[in-house]
Amino acid sequence: MSNQIWDPITVDKSFVDAPESWLAAQANEGMRWLLVHADDGVIWGKVREDGVVALSGELFNDPDKYPTVAVELRAITIQQARLFGLAGELLVWRVDEGFAVRRIEDGDRDLDSIDETYLLWHMGNPTAVDEEAEFALLQEGQRGNRHAPPVIPHRRRPRVRVRHYIGYDDQGQAYIGLSRLVNLEV
């Protein structure tokens, strides 16, 4: 890509000690969703108005009933974490030395990009819903895999919007140089 659209962020020991607090401190008004891929499952989160992060594993916290959802947010198991929203995305990923972090904020920049929407799988109705916290436990049909995004489908299929930033090589040919999560939608 001709212009670097992301900024590196320094991650310190506070991320390892308390990843939930560190991520909450990085959030802004336009970045309210959290998606974490960990060794032991998928963790969804939502930054509440008071700045606290509500996590799917805290709501569906019975490991016998929800083994891949009742997952604690621990730095030792994080593969990658994405704090995202309309304003931008903060991506944390594991490297040999610990973690690397980048932030993308579109702002007022005129960036070549395209958006795509992907359905979050689920068959039929959610198997459990926490209406107050606005999380729904979704289950994939035959395999029975589960995850609990912070959306209430109400008979509509939840989806995630992804933005692909277009770069150009030396010959002017376009390619997707970088992608980020933009929003959760129903």
C-alpha atoms as a PDB file:
ATOM      1  CA  MET A   1       0.000   0.000   0.000  1.00  0.00           C
ATOM      2  CA  SER A   2       1.289   3.427  -0.792  1.00  0.00           C
ATOM      3  CA  ASN A   3       0.473   5.005   2.573  1.00  0.00           C
ATOM      4  CA  GLN A   4       0.701   3.165   5.859  1.00  0.00           C
ATOM      5  CA  ILE A   5      -2.785   3.328   7.333  1.00  0.00           C
ATOM      6  CA  TRP A   6      -2.005   1.678  10.650  1.00  0.00           C
ATOM      7  CA  ASP A   7       0.008   2.736  13.662  1.00  0.00           C
ATOM      8  CA  PRO A   8       2.007   0.381  15.878  1.00  0.00           C
ATOM      9  CA  ILE A   9       1.092   0.471  19.554  1.00  0.00           C
ATOM     10  CA  THR A  10       3.400  -0.533  22.370  1.00  0.00           C
ATOM     11  CA  VAL A  11       2.027  -3.260  24.571  1.00  0.00           C
ATOM     12  CA  ASP A  12       3.395  -3.411  28.084  1.00  0.00           C
ATOM     13  CA  LYS A  13       3.188  -5.764  31.056  1.00  0.00           C
ATOM     14  CA  SER A  14      -0.251  -4.402  31.972  1.00  0.00           C
ATOM     15  CA  PHE A  15      -1.703  -6.279  28.977  1.00  0.00           C
ATOM     16  CA  VAL A  16      -0.268  -9.562  30.216  1.00  0.00           C
ATOM     17  CA  ASP A  17      -1.431  -8.887  33.796  1.00  0.00           C
ATOM     18  CA  ALA A  18      -4.950  -7.671  32.942  1.00  0.00           C
ATOM     19  CA  PRO A  19      -5.845  -7.898  29.229  1.00  0.00           C
ATOM     20  CA  GLU A  20      -9.489  -6.946  29.815  1.00  0.00           C
ATOM     21  CA  SER A  21      -8.534  -3.680  31.557  1.00  0.00           C
ATOM     22  CA  TRP A  22      -5.827  -2.886  28.982  1.00  0.00           C
ATOM     23  CA  LEU A  23      -8.275  -3.397  26.099  1.00  0.00           C
ATOM     24  CA  ALA A  24     -10.957  -1.310  27.822  1.00  0.00           C
ATOM     25  CA  ALA A  25      -8.434   1.529  28.215  1.00  0.00           C
ATOM     26  CA  GLN A  26      -7.711   1.398  24.457  1.00  0.00           C
ATOM     27  CA  ALA A  27     -11.391   1.642  23.479  1.00  0.00           C
ATOM     28  CA  ASN A  28     -13.024   4.804  22.246  1.00  0.00           C
ATOM     29  CA  GLU A  29     -16.624   5.702  21.363  1.00  0.00           C
ATOM     30  CA  GLY A  30     -16.334   4.231  17.899  1.00  0.00           C
ATOM     31  CA  MET A  31     -14.690   0.955  18.965  1.00  0.00           C
ATOM     32  CA  ARG A  32     -17.135  -1.021  21.095  1.00  0.00           C
ATOM     33  CA  TRP A  33     -16.854  -4.654  19.988  1.00  0.00           C
ATOM     34  CA  LEU A  34     -14.263  -7.222  21.077  1.00  0.00           C
ATOM     35  CA  LEU A  35     -13.471 -10.532  19.375  1.00  0.00           C
ATOM     36  CA  VAL A  36     -10.759 -12.732  20.884  1.00  0.00           C
ATOM     37  CA  HIS A  37      -9.495 -16.023  19.494  1.00  0.00           C
ATOM     38  CA  ALA A  38      -7.899 -17.950  22.338  1.00  0.00           C
ATOM     39  CA  ASP A  39      -6.411 -21.416  22.646  1.00  0.00           C
ATOM     40  CA  ASP A  40      -9.510 -22.568  24.521  1.00  0.00           C
ATOM     41  CA  GLY A  41     -12.305 -20.845  22.561  1.00  0.00           C
ATOM     42  CA  VAL A  42     -13.776 -17.670  21.122  1.00  0.00           C
ATOM     43  CA  ILE A  43     -14.514 -14.739  23.422  1.00  0.00           C
ATOM     44  CA  TRP A  44     -16.867 -11.972  22.364  1.00  0.00           C
ATOM     45  CA  GLY A  45     -17.104  -8.718  24.271  1.00  0.00           C
ATOM     46  CA  LYS A  46     -18.818  -5.372  24.272  1.00  0.00           C
ATOM     47  CA  VAL A  47     -17.513  -2.129  25.770  1.00  0.00           C
ATOM     48  CA  ARG A  48     -20.343  -0.728  27.859  1.00  0.00           C
ATOM     49  CA  GLU A  49     -21.020   2.986  28.299  1.00  0.00           C
ATOM     50  CA  ASP A  50     -19.263   2.925  31.692  1.00  0.00           C
ATOM     51  CA  GLY A  51     -16.061   1.703  29.975  1.00  0.00           C
ATOM     52  CA  VAL A  52     -16.241  -1.827  31.377  1.00  0.00           C
ATOM     53  CA  VAL A  53     -15.964  -4.745  28.955  1.00  0.00           C
ATOM     54  CA  ALA A  54     -18.780  -7.309  29.205  1.00  0.00           C
ATOM     55  CA  LEU A  55     -17.547 -10.740  28.075  1.00  0.00           C
ATOM     56  CA  SER A  56     -19.476 -13.701  26.676  1.00  0.00           C
ATOM     57  CA  GLY A  57     -17.648 -16.097  29.007  1.00  0.00           C
ATOM     58  CA  GLU A  58     -18.902 -14.197  32.035  1.00  0.00           C
ATOM     59  CA  LEU A  59     -22.530 -14.563  30.939  1.00  0.00           C
ATOM     60  CA  PHE A  60     -22.395 -18.143  29.681  1.00  0.00           C
ATOM     61  CA  ASN A  61     -20.004 -19.268  32.400  1.00  0.00           C
ATOM     62  CA  ASP A  62     -20.838 -22.946  32.924  1.00  0.00           C
ATOM     63  CA  PRO A  63     -17.887 -24.860  31.399  1.00  0.00           C
ATOM     64  CA  ASP A  64     -19.837 -28.146  31.429  1.00  0.00           C
ATOM     65  CA  LYS A  65     -22.746 -26.642  29.497  1.00  0.00           C
ATOM     66  CA  TYR A  66     -20.780 -24.149  27.342  1.00  0.00           C
ATOM     67  CA  PRO A  67     -17.177 -25.465  27.097  1.00  0.00           C
ATOM     68  CA  THR A  68     -16.136 -23.296  24.127  1.00  0.00           C
ATOM     69  CA  VAL A  69     -17.967 -20.184  25.362  1.00  0.00           C
ATOM     70  CA  ALA A  70     -17.244 -20.204  29.109  1.00  0.00           C
ATOM     71  CA  VAL A  71     -13.713 -19.033  28.379  1.00  0.00           C
ATOM     72  CA  GLU A  72     -11.758 -16.699  30.634  1.00  0.00           C
ATOM     73  CA  LEU A  73      -9.847 -13.829  29.006  1.00  0.00           C
ATOM     74  CA  ARG A  74      -6.215 -14.609  29.883  1.00  0.00           C
ATOM     75  CA  ALA A  75      -3.155 -13.288  28.054  1.00  0.00           C
ATOM     76  CA  ILE A  76      -1.465 -16.694  28.164  1.00  0.00           C
ATOM     77  CA  THR A  77      -4.156 -18.201  25.870  1.00  0.00           C
ATOM     78  CA  ILE A  78      -4.779 -15.241  23.509  1.00  0.00           C
ATOM     79  CA  GLN A  79      -3.891 -15.861  19.876  1.00  0.00           C
ATOM     80  CA  GLN A  80      -5.364 -12.569  18.677  1.00  0.00           C
ATOM     81  CA  ALA A  81      -7.775  -9.935  19.947  1.00  0.00           C
ATOM     82  CA  ARG A  82      -9.660  -7.358  17.907  1.00  0.00           C
ATOM     83  CA  LEU A  83     -11.280  -4.309  19.487  1.00  0.00           C
ATOM     84  CA  PHE A  84     -13.271  -2.769  16.653  1.00  0.00           C
ATOM     85  CA  GLY A  85     -16.052  -0.498  15.503  1.00  0.00           C
ATOM     86  CA  LEU A  86     -16.919   2.169  12.969  1.00  0.00           C
ATOM     87  CA  ALA A  87     -14.000   4.378  14.068  1.00  0.00           C
ATOM     88  CA  GLY A  88     -11.279   1.756  13.675  1.00  0.00           C
ATOM     89  CA  GLU A  89      -9.694  -1.424  14.924  1.00  0.00           C
ATOM     90  CA  LEU A  90      -7.047  -2.355  17.451  1.00  0.00           C
ATOM     91  CA  LEU A  91      -5.493  -5.737  16.666  1.00  0.00           C
ATOM     92  CA  VAL A  92      -3.331  -7.584  19.198  1.00  0.00           C
ATOM     93  CA  TRP A  93      -1.615 -10.776  18.084  1.00  0.00           C
ATOM     94  CA  ARG A  94       0.841 -13.205  19.614  1.00  0.00           C
ATOM     95  CA  VAL A  95       4.475 -13.115  18.452  1.00  0.00           C
ATOM     96  CA  ASP A  96       7.553 -14.978  19.720  1.00  0.00           C
ATOM     97  CA  GLU A  97       8.477 -12.135  22.093  1.00  0.00           C
ATOM     98  CA  GLY A  98       4.951 -11.647  23.481  1.00  0.00           C
ATOM     99  CA  PHE A  99       2.415  -9.505  21.616  1.00  0.00           C
ATOM    100  CA  ALA A 100       2.332  -7.021  18.747  1.00  0.00           C
ATOM    101  CA  VAL A 101      -0.368  -4.374  18.344  1.00  0.00           C
ATOM    102  CA  ARG A 102      -1.593  -2.161  15.510  1.00  0.00           C
ATOM    103  CA  ARG A 103      -4.338   0.451  15.362  1.00  0.00           C
ATOM    104  CA  ILE A 104      -6.247   1.517  12.255  1.00  0.00           C
ATOM    105  CA  GLU A 105      -8.422   4.630  12.379  1.00  0.00           C
ATOM    106  CA  ASP A 106     -10.044   5.781   9.162  1.00  0.00           C
ATOM    107  CA  GLY A 107     -10.832   9.297  10.361  1.00  0.00           C
ATOM    108  CA  ASP A 108     -11.262  11.804   7.558  1.00  0.00           C
ATOM    109  CA  ARG A 109      -8.714  10.137   5.285  1.00  0.00           C
ATOM    110  CA  ASP A 110      -9.788   9.274   1.754  1.00  0.00           C
ATOM    111  CA  LEU A 111      -8.779   5.614   1.596  1.00  0.00           C
ATOM    112  CA  ASP A 112      -9.556   3.186  -1.213  1.00  0.00           C
ATOM    113  CA  SER A 113     -11.522   0.402   0.410  1.00  0.00           C
ATOM    114  CA  ILE A 114     -14.394  -1.993  -0.053  1.00  0.00           C
ATOM    115  CA  ASP A 115     -16.678  -3.425   2.614  1.00  0.00           C
ATOM    116  CA  GLU A 116     -18.039  -6.973   2.719  1.00  0.00           C
ATOM    117  CA  THR A 117     -20.533  -8.515   5.092  1.00  0.00           C
ATOM    118  CA  TYR A 118     -20.174 -12.061   6.419  1.00  0.00           C
ATOM    119  CA  LEU A 119     -22.905 -14.005   8.199  1.00  0.00           C
ATOM    120  CA  LEU A 120     -22.079 -15.352  11.632  1.00  0.00           C
ATOM    121  CA  TRP A 121     -23.281 -18.924  11.375  1.00  0.00           C
ATOM    122  CA  HIS A 122     -26.244 -20.157  13.261  1.00  0.00           C
ATOM    123  CA  MET A 123     -29.114 -22.440  12.506  1.00  0.00           C
ATOM    124  CA  GLY A 124     -32.577 -21.532  13.749  1.00  0.00           C
ATOM    125  CA  ASN A 125     -32.991 -19.505  16.903  1.00  0.00           C
ATOM    126  CA  PRO A 126     -30.231 -18.777  19.432  1.00  0.00           C
ATOM    127  CA  THR A 127     -29.963 -21.527  22.041  1.00  0.00           C
ATOM    128  CA  ALA A 128     -29.701 -19.006  24.910  1.00  0.00           C
ATOM    129  CA  VAL A 129     -30.047 -15.241  25.156  1.00  0.00           C
ATOM    130  CA  ASP A 130     -29.067 -12.748  27.836  1.00  0.00           C
ATOM    131  CA  GLU A 131     -31.410  -9.898  26.855  1.00  0.00           C
ATOM    132  CA  GLU A 132     -30.100  -7.508  29.509  1.00  0.00           C
ATOM    133  CA  ALA A 133     -26.466  -7.825  28.413  1.00  0.00           C
ATOM    134  CA  GLU A 134     -27.467  -8.243  24.735  1.00  0.00           C
ATOM    135  CA  PHE A 135     -25.532 -11.469  24.088  1.00  0.00           C
ATOM    136  CA  ALA A 136     -26.900 -14.479  22.187  1.00  0.00           C
ATOM    137  CA  LEU A 137     -25.479 -17.980  22.219  1.00  0.00           C
ATOM    138  CA  LEU A 138     -25.389 -19.189  18.618  1.00  0.00           C
ATOM    139  CA  GLN A 139     -24.915 -22.808  17.639  1.00  0.00           C
ATOM    140  CA  GLU A 140     -23.817 -24.146  14.275  1.00  0.00           C
ATOM    141  CA  GLY A 141     -26.205 -26.864  13.123  1.00  0.00           C
ATOM    142  CA  GLN A 142     -24.702 -30.342  12.852  1.00  0.00           C
ATOM    143  CA  ARG A 143     -21.336 -29.776  14.500  1.00  0.00           C
ATOM    144  CA  GLY A 144     -22.795 -27.990  17.491  1.00  0.00           C
ATOM    145  CA  ASN A 145     -20.005 -25.386  17.689  1.00  0.00           C
ATOM    146  CA  ARG A 146     -21.021 -22.373  19.756  1.00  0.00           C
ATOM    147  CA  HIS A 147     -20.078 -18.752  20.221  1.00  0.00           C
ATOM    148  CA  ALA A 148     -21.873 -15.846  21.885  1.00  0.00           C
ATOM    149  CA  PRO A 149     -21.626 -12.498  20.079  1.00  0.00           C
ATOM    150  CA  PRO A 150     -23.019  -9.348  21.726  1.00  0.00           C
ATOM    151  CA  VAL A 151     -26.072  -9.078  19.466  1.00  0.00           C
ATOM    152  CA  ILE A 152     -29.683 -10.178  19.765  1.00  0.00           C
ATOM    153  CA  PRO A 153     -30.749 -11.564  16.377  1.00  0.00           C
ATOM    154  CA  HIS A 154     -34.580 -11.434  16.788  1.00  0.00           C
ATOM    155  CA  ARG A 155     -35.097 -13.758  13.814  1.00  0.00           C
ATOM    156  CA  ARG A 156     -32.409 -12.018  11.769  1.00  0.00           C
ATOM    157  CA  ARG A 157     -28.991 -13.483  11.138  1.00  0.00           C
ATOM    158  CA  PRO A 158     -26.144 -11.582  12.766  1.00  0.00           C
ATOM    159  CA  ARG A 159     -23.205 -10.628  10.579  1.00  0.00           C
ATOM    160  CA  VAL A 160     -19.851  -8.890  10.738  1.00  0.00           C
ATOM    161  CA  ARG A 161     -18.765  -6.170   8.330  1.00  0.00           C
ATOM    162  CA  VAL A 162     -15.144  -6.285   7.147  1.00  0.00           C
ATOM    163  CA  ARG A 163     -13.299  -3.443   5.399  1.00  0.00           C
ATOM    164  CA  HIS A 164     -10.579  -4.287   2.876  1.00  0.00           C
ATOM    165  CA  TYR A 165      -8.081  -1.529   2.078  1.00  0.00           C
ATOM    166  CA  ILE A 166      -6.888  -1.427  -1.510  1.00  0.00           C
ATOM    167  CA  GLY A 167      -3.201  -1.064  -2.319  1.00  0.00           C
ATOM    168  CA  TYR A 168      -1.510  -0.691  -5.686  1.00  0.00           C
ATOM    169  CA  ASP A 169       1.703  -2.309  -6.859  1.00  0.00           C
ATOM    170  CA  ASP A 170       4.407  -0.692  -9.009  1.00  0.00           C
ATOM    171  CA  GLN A 171       2.430  -1.517 -12.155  1.00  0.00           C
ATOM    172  CA  GLY A 172      -0.782   0.032 -10.829  1.00  0.00           C
ATOM    173  CA  GLN A 173      -2.523  -3.282 -10.189  1.00  0.00           C
ATOM    174  CA  ALA A 174      -4.860  -3.284  -7.217  1.00  0.00           C
ATOM    175  CA  TYR A 175      -4.663  -5.739  -4.337  1.00  0.00           C
ATOM    176  CA  ILE A 176      -6.104  -6.031  -0.850  1.00  0.00           C
ATOM    177  CA  GLY A 177      -3.305  -4.783   1.368  1.00  0.00           C
ATOM    178  CA  LEU A 178      -5.017  -4.908   4.743  1.00  0.00           C
ATOM    179  CA  SER A 179      -8.391  -5.813   6.252  1.00  0.00           C
ATOM    180  CA  ARG A 180     -10.137  -4.962   9.487  1.00  0.00           C
ATOM    181  CA  LEU A 181     -13.381  -5.671  11.272  1.00  0.00           C
ATOM    182  CA  VAL A 182     -15.822  -2.752  11.173  1.00  0.00           C
ATOM    183  CA  ASN A 183     -19.105  -3.631  12.863  1.00  0.00           C
ATOM    184  CA  LEU A 184     -21.485  -6.265  14.183  1.00  0.00           C
ATOM    185  CA  GLU A 185     -24.922  -6.012  12.582  1.00  0.00           C
ATOM    186  CA  VAL A 186     -28.289  -7.738  12.447  1.00  0.00           C
END
